PDB file of N, CA and C in Angstrom:
ATOM      1  N   MET A   1      -9.142  37.913 -41.225  1.00  0.00           N
ATOM      2  CA  MET A   1     -10.027  37.193 -40.330  1.00  0.00           C
ATOM      3  C   MET A   1      -9.700  35.706 -40.411  1.00  0.00           C
ATOM      4  N   THR A   2      -9.376  35.104 -39.271  1.00  0.00           N
ATOM      5  CA  THR A   2      -9.042  33.687 -39.260  1.00  0.00           C
ATOM      6  C   THR A   2     -10.163  32.906 -38.595  1.00  0.00           C
ATOM      7  N   ASN A   3     -10.379  31.757 -39.126  1.00  0.00           N
ATOM      8  CA  ASN A   3     -11.387  30.870 -38.566  1.00  0.00           C
ATOM      9  C   ASN A   3     -10.679  29.888 -37.641  1.00  0.00           C
ATOM     10  N   GLU A   4     -11.174  29.749 -36.426  1.00  0.00           N
ATOM     11  CA  GLU A   4     -10.520  28.895 -35.436  1.00  0.00           C
ATOM     12  C   GLU A   4     -10.536  27.433 -35.862  1.00  0.00           C
ATOM     13  N   LEU A   5     -11.589  26.991 -36.520  1.00  0.00           N
ATOM     14  CA  LEU A   5     -11.678  25.600 -36.939  1.00  0.00           C
ATOM     15  C   LEU A   5     -10.713  25.288 -38.073  1.00  0.00           C
ATOM     16  N   VAL A   6     -10.447  26.228 -38.933  1.00  0.00           N
ATOM     17  CA  VAL A   6      -9.549  26.012 -40.056  1.00  0.00           C
ATOM     18  C   VAL A   6      -8.101  25.996 -39.583  1.00  0.00           C
ATOM     19  N   ASP A   7      -7.733  26.838 -38.639  1.00  0.00           N
ATOM     20  CA  ASP A   7      -6.357  26.945 -38.182  1.00  0.00           C
ATOM     21  C   ASP A   7      -5.977  25.882 -37.155  1.00  0.00           C
ATOM     22  N   ASP A   8      -6.910  25.089 -36.679  1.00  0.00           N
ATOM     23  CA  ASP A   8      -6.624  24.085 -35.655  1.00  0.00           C
ATOM     24  C   ASP A   8      -6.098  22.823 -36.326  1.00  0.00           C
ATOM     25  N   HIS A   9      -4.775  22.653 -36.296  1.00  0.00           N
ATOM     26  CA  HIS A   9      -4.135  21.513 -36.952  1.00  0.00           C
ATOM     27  C   HIS A   9      -3.700  20.445 -35.949  1.00  0.00           C
ATOM     28  N   ARG A  10      -4.265  20.472 -34.761  1.00  0.00           N
ATOM     29  CA  ARG A  10      -3.901  19.475 -33.768  1.00  0.00           C
ATOM     30  C   ARG A  10      -4.511  18.120 -34.117  1.00  0.00           C
ATOM     31  N   ASN A  11      -3.999  17.104 -33.464  1.00  0.00           N
ATOM     32  CA  ASN A  11      -4.484  15.751 -33.658  1.00  0.00           C
ATOM     33  C   ASN A  11      -5.970  15.680 -33.292  1.00  0.00           C
ATOM     34  N   VAL A  12      -6.695  14.774 -33.940  1.00  0.00           N
ATOM     35  CA  VAL A  12      -8.127  14.616 -33.693  1.00  0.00           C
ATOM     36  C   VAL A  12      -8.382  14.219 -32.242  1.00  0.00           C
ATOM     37  N   PHE A  13      -7.547  13.352 -31.698  1.00  0.00           N
ATOM     38  CA  PHE A  13      -7.738  12.900 -30.322  1.00  0.00           C
ATOM     39  C   PHE A  13      -7.474  14.025 -29.326  1.00  0.00           C
ATOM     40  N   VAL A  14      -6.504  14.878 -29.622  1.00  0.00           N
ATOM     41  CA  VAL A  14      -6.218  16.017 -28.750  1.00  0.00           C
ATOM     42  C   VAL A  14      -7.392  16.987 -28.769  1.00  0.00           C
ATOM     43  N   ARG A  15      -7.925  17.256 -29.954  1.00  0.00           N
ATOM     44  CA  ARG A  15      -9.089  18.146 -30.042  1.00  0.00           C
ATOM     45  C   ARG A  15     -10.288  17.558 -29.311  1.00  0.00           C
ATOM     46  N   PHE A  16     -10.504  16.241 -29.451  1.00  0.00           N
ATOM     47  CA  PHE A  16     -11.618  15.588 -28.764  1.00  0.00           C
ATOM     48  C   PHE A  16     -11.424  15.649 -27.248  1.00  0.00           C
ATOM     49  N   PHE A  17     -10.197  15.377 -26.767  1.00  0.00           N
ATOM     50  CA  PHE A  17      -9.907  15.430 -25.340  1.00  0.00           C
ATOM     51  C   PHE A  17     -10.144  16.836 -24.792  1.00  0.00           C
ATOM     52  N   LEU A  18      -9.672  17.851 -25.502  1.00  0.00           N
ATOM     53  CA  LEU A  18      -9.876  19.224 -25.047  1.00  0.00           C
ATOM     54  C   LEU A  18     -11.357  19.603 -25.053  1.00  0.00           C
ATOM     55  N   TYR A  19     -12.099  19.095 -26.031  1.00  0.00           N
ATOM     56  CA  TYR A  19     -13.542  19.350 -26.062  1.00  0.00           C
ATOM     57  C   TYR A  19     -14.224  18.729 -24.844  1.00  0.00           C
ATOM     58  N   VAL A  20     -13.868  17.460 -24.535  1.00  0.00           N
ATOM     59  CA  VAL A  20     -14.480  16.768 -23.398  1.00  0.00           C
ATOM     60  C   VAL A  20     -14.123  17.475 -22.093  1.00  0.00           C
ATOM     61  N   VAL A  21     -12.855  17.862 -21.941  1.00  0.00           N
ATOM     62  CA  VAL A  21     -12.426  18.554 -20.730  1.00  0.00           C
ATOM     63  C   VAL A  21     -13.175  19.873 -20.571  1.00  0.00           C
ATOM     64  N   ASP A  22     -13.367  20.583 -21.658  1.00  0.00           N
ATOM     65  CA  ASP A  22     -14.061  21.862 -21.579  1.00  0.00           C
ATOM     66  C   ASP A  22     -15.565  21.679 -21.390  1.00  0.00           C
ATOM     67  N   ARG A  23     -16.141  20.699 -22.069  1.00  0.00           N
ATOM     68  CA  ARG A  23     -17.594  20.506 -22.027  1.00  0.00           C
ATOM     69  C   ARG A  23     -18.068  19.957 -20.695  1.00  0.00           C
ATOM     70  N   PHE A  24     -17.348  19.004 -20.116  1.00  0.00           N
ATOM     71  CA  PHE A  24     -17.786  18.322 -18.899  1.00  0.00           C
ATOM     72  C   PHE A  24     -17.017  18.778 -17.665  1.00  0.00           C
ATOM     73  N   ARG A  25     -16.446  19.959 -17.701  1.00  0.00           N
ATOM     74  CA  ARG A  25     -15.685  20.489 -16.580  1.00  0.00           C
ATOM     75  C   ARG A  25     -16.610  20.666 -15.368  1.00  0.00           C
ATOM     76  N   PRO A  26     -16.174  20.180 -14.181  1.00  0.00           N
ATOM     77  CA  PRO A  26     -16.984  20.386 -12.976  1.00  0.00           C
ATOM     78  C   PRO A  26     -17.072  21.872 -12.640  1.00  0.00           C
ATOM     79  N   PRO A  27     -18.147  22.294 -11.974  1.00  0.00           N
ATOM     80  CA  PRO A  27     -18.312  23.720 -11.665  1.00  0.00           C
ATOM     81  C   PRO A  27     -17.176  24.310 -10.837  1.00  0.00           C
ATOM     82  N   LEU A  28     -16.612  23.536  -9.909  1.00  0.00           N
ATOM     83  CA  LEU A  28     -15.543  24.049  -9.063  1.00  0.00           C
ATOM     84  C   LEU A  28     -14.150  23.766  -9.615  1.00  0.00           C
ATOM     85  N   GLY A  29     -14.058  23.027 -10.695  1.00  0.00           N
ATOM     86  CA  GLY A  29     -12.767  22.752 -11.315  1.00  0.00           C
ATOM     87  C   GLY A  29     -12.319  21.320 -11.100  1.00  0.00           C
ATOM     88  N   TRP A  30     -11.327  20.935 -11.897  1.00  0.00           N
ATOM     89  CA  TRP A  30     -10.836  19.558 -11.847  1.00  0.00           C
ATOM     90  C   TRP A  30     -10.036  19.270 -10.587  1.00  0.00           C
ATOM     91  N   VAL A  31      -9.346  20.262 -10.042  1.00  0.00           N
ATOM     92  CA  VAL A  31      -8.539  20.026  -8.842  1.00  0.00           C
ATOM     93  C   VAL A  31      -9.442  19.668  -7.666  1.00  0.00           C
ATOM     94  N   VAL A  32     -10.520  20.386  -7.503  1.00  0.00           N
ATOM     95  CA  VAL A  32     -11.455  20.106  -6.411  1.00  0.00           C
ATOM     96  C   VAL A  32     -12.082  18.730  -6.600  1.00  0.00           C
ATOM     97  N   TRP A  33     -12.403  18.383  -7.841  1.00  0.00           N
ATOM     98  CA  TRP A  33     -12.991  17.074  -8.123  1.00  0.00           C
ATOM     99  C   TRP A  33     -12.016  15.948  -7.776  1.00  0.00           C
ATOM    100  N   CYS A  34     -10.750  16.102  -8.160  1.00  0.00           N
ATOM    101  CA  CYS A  34      -9.732  15.082  -7.875  1.00  0.00           C
ATOM    102  C   CYS A  34      -9.459  14.971  -6.375  1.00  0.00           C
ATOM    103  N   VAL A  35      -9.424  16.093  -5.678  1.00  0.00           N
ATOM    104  CA  VAL A  35      -9.223  16.059  -4.224  1.00  0.00           C
ATOM    105  C   VAL A  35     -10.402  15.356  -3.558  1.00  0.00           C
ATOM    106  N   GLY A  36     -11.601  15.596  -4.042  1.00  0.00           N
ATOM    107  CA  GLY A  36     -12.770  14.904  -3.503  1.00  0.00           C
ATOM    108  C   GLY A  36     -12.686  13.400  -3.696  1.00  0.00           C
ATOM    109  N   LEU A  37     -12.214  12.969  -4.859  1.00  0.00           N
ATOM    110  CA  LEU A  37     -12.037  11.533  -5.086  1.00  0.00           C
ATOM    111  C   LEU A  37     -10.980  10.942  -4.161  1.00  0.00           C
ATOM    112  N   LEU A  38      -9.895  11.673  -3.963  1.00  0.00           N
ATOM    113  CA  LEU A  38      -8.857  11.182  -3.052  1.00  0.00           C
ATOM    114  C   LEU A  38      -9.366  11.088  -1.622  1.00  0.00           C
ATOM    115  N   ILE A  39     -10.161  12.059  -1.198  1.00  0.00           N
ATOM    116  CA  ILE A  39     -10.730  12.006   0.142  1.00  0.00           C
ATOM    117  C   ILE A  39     -11.692  10.830   0.271  1.00  0.00           C
ATOM    118  N   ALA A  40     -12.422  10.535  -0.791  1.00  0.00           N
ATOM    119  CA  ALA A  40     -13.337   9.396  -0.764  1.00  0.00           C
ATOM    120  C   ALA A  40     -12.589   8.067  -0.664  1.00  0.00           C
ATOM    121  N   LEU A  41     -11.350   8.019  -1.151  1.00  0.00           N
ATOM    122  CA  LEU A  41     -10.554   6.787  -1.064  1.00  0.00           C
ATOM    123  C   LEU A  41      -9.865   6.608   0.284  1.00  0.00           C
ATOM    124  N   LEU A  42      -9.785   7.654   1.088  1.00  0.00           N
ATOM    125  CA  LEU A  42      -9.072   7.561   2.361  1.00  0.00           C
ATOM    126  C   LEU A  42      -9.597   6.463   3.285  1.00  0.00           C
ATOM    127  N   PRO A  43     -10.901   6.267   3.446  1.00  0.00           N
ATOM    128  CA  PRO A  43     -11.348   5.169   4.320  1.00  0.00           C
ATOM    129  C   PRO A  43     -10.866   3.796   3.849  1.00  0.00           C
ATOM    130  N   ALA A  44     -10.831   3.577   2.536  1.00  0.00           N
ATOM    131  CA  ALA A  44     -10.354   2.283   2.031  1.00  0.00           C
ATOM    132  C   ALA A  44      -8.883   2.083   2.373  1.00  0.00           C
ATOM    133  N   PHE A  45      -8.077   3.128   2.221  1.00  0.00           N
ATOM    134  CA  PHE A  45      -6.655   3.009   2.578  1.00  0.00           C
ATOM    135  C   PHE A  45      -6.481   2.845   4.072  1.00  0.00           C
ATOM    136  N   ALA A  46      -7.295   3.525   4.869  1.00  0.00           N
ATOM    137  CA  ALA A  46      -7.197   3.416   6.331  1.00  0.00           C
ATOM    138  C   ALA A  46      -7.560   2.016   6.799  1.00  0.00           C
ATOM    139  N   ILE A  47      -8.590   1.427   6.226  1.00  0.00           N
ATOM    140  CA  ILE A  47      -8.984   0.060   6.594  1.00  0.00           C
ATOM    141  C   ILE A  47      -7.878  -0.919   6.253  1.00  0.00           C
ATOM    142  N   ARG A  48      -7.239  -0.706   5.122  1.00  0.00           N
ATOM    143  CA  ARG A  48      -6.159  -1.618   4.735  1.00  0.00           C
ATOM    144  C   ARG A  48      -4.942  -1.459   5.647  1.00  0.00           C
ATOM    145  N   GLU A  49      -4.561  -0.225   5.945  1.00  0.00           N
ATOM    146  CA  GLU A  49      -3.386   0.016   6.774  1.00  0.00           C
ATOM    147  C   GLU A  49      -3.605  -0.425   8.220  1.00  0.00           C
ATOM    148  N   ALA A  50      -4.818  -0.263   8.733  1.00  0.00           N
ATOM    149  CA  ALA A  50      -5.099  -0.650  10.117  1.00  0.00           C
ATOM    150  C   ALA A  50      -5.362  -2.147  10.250  1.00  0.00           C
ATOM    151  N   ALA A  51      -5.452  -2.841   9.139  1.00  0.00           N
ATOM    152  CA  ALA A  51      -5.684  -4.284   9.105  1.00  0.00           C
ATOM    153  C   ALA A  51      -6.956  -4.658   9.842  1.00  0.00           C
ATOM    154  N   TRP A  52      -8.006  -3.883   9.661  1.00  0.00           N
ATOM    155  CA  TRP A  52      -9.288  -4.187  10.279  1.00  0.00           C
ATOM    156  C   TRP A  52      -9.968  -5.353   9.580  1.00  0.00           C
ATOM    157  N   ILE A  53      -9.656  -5.546   8.329  1.00  0.00           N
ATOM    158  CA  ILE A  53     -10.224  -6.643   7.549  1.00  0.00           C
ATOM    159  C   ILE A  53      -9.063  -7.451   6.987  1.00  0.00           C
ATOM    160  N   ASP A  54      -9.178  -8.759   7.055  1.00  0.00           N
ATOM    161  CA  ASP A  54      -8.127  -9.622   6.516  1.00  0.00           C
ATOM    162  C   ASP A  54      -8.274  -9.678   4.997  1.00  0.00           C
ATOM    163  N   LEU A  55      -7.489  -8.880   4.316  1.00  0.00           N
ATOM    164  CA  LEU A  55      -7.559  -8.820   2.868  1.00  0.00           C
ATOM    165  C   LEU A  55      -6.604  -9.811   2.202  1.00  0.00           C
ATOM    166  N   GLY A  56      -5.819 -10.537   2.979  1.00  0.00           N
ATOM    167  CA  GLY A  56      -4.878 -11.486   2.410  1.00  0.00           C
ATOM    168  C   GLY A  56      -5.566 -12.628   1.700  1.00  0.00           C
ATOM    169  N   ARG A  57      -6.659 -13.111   2.274  1.00  0.00           N
ATOM    170  CA  ARG A  57      -7.390 -14.217   1.652  1.00  0.00           C
ATOM    171  C   ARG A  57      -8.097 -13.773   0.385  1.00  0.00           C
ATOM    172  N   VAL A  58      -8.613 -12.563   0.395  1.00  0.00           N
ATOM    173  CA  VAL A  58      -9.452 -12.103  -0.697  1.00  0.00           C
ATOM    174  C   VAL A  58      -8.622 -11.521  -1.842  1.00  0.00           C
ATOM    175  N   ARG A  59      -7.445 -11.029  -1.553  1.00  0.00           N
ATOM    176  CA  ARG A  59      -6.551 -10.395  -2.535  1.00  0.00           C
ATOM    177  C   ARG A  59      -7.182  -9.134  -3.135  1.00  0.00           C
ATOM    178  N   VAL A  60      -7.768  -8.304  -2.273  1.00  0.00           N
ATOM    179  CA  VAL A  60      -8.393  -7.060  -2.708  1.00  0.00           C
ATOM    180  C   VAL A  60      -7.503  -5.904  -2.331  1.00  0.00           C
ATOM    181  N   THR A  61      -7.297  -4.994  -3.261  1.00  0.00           N
ATOM    182  CA  THR A  61      -6.528  -3.767  -2.967  1.00  0.00           C
ATOM    183  C   THR A  61      -7.328  -2.584  -3.467  1.00  0.00           C
ATOM    184  N   PRO A  62      -7.239  -1.472  -2.762  1.00  0.00           N
ATOM    185  CA  PRO A  62      -7.959  -0.280  -3.221  1.00  0.00           C
ATOM    186  C   PRO A  62      -7.311   0.317  -4.460  1.00  0.00           C
TER     187      PRO A  62
END
C-alpha cells in the first residue's frame, strides 16, 4: 500500500500549482475560460485596429 503524499517527490511549487489548478478549475474547463477571455479582448483590439480612438497620445495598448 503506497501513500500518495509520501511518494510525491515533485517540487513544492509544482505541487502547489497543480493543487491550485485542480481546486479552482472552472466548471467548463480552462479552455472555455481562456476562449472567453480572448473574446472579451476582441473589442479592445478592434477599436485599436480601426483607429476609432487616437491612442498615440495616450500610449495605451491592450
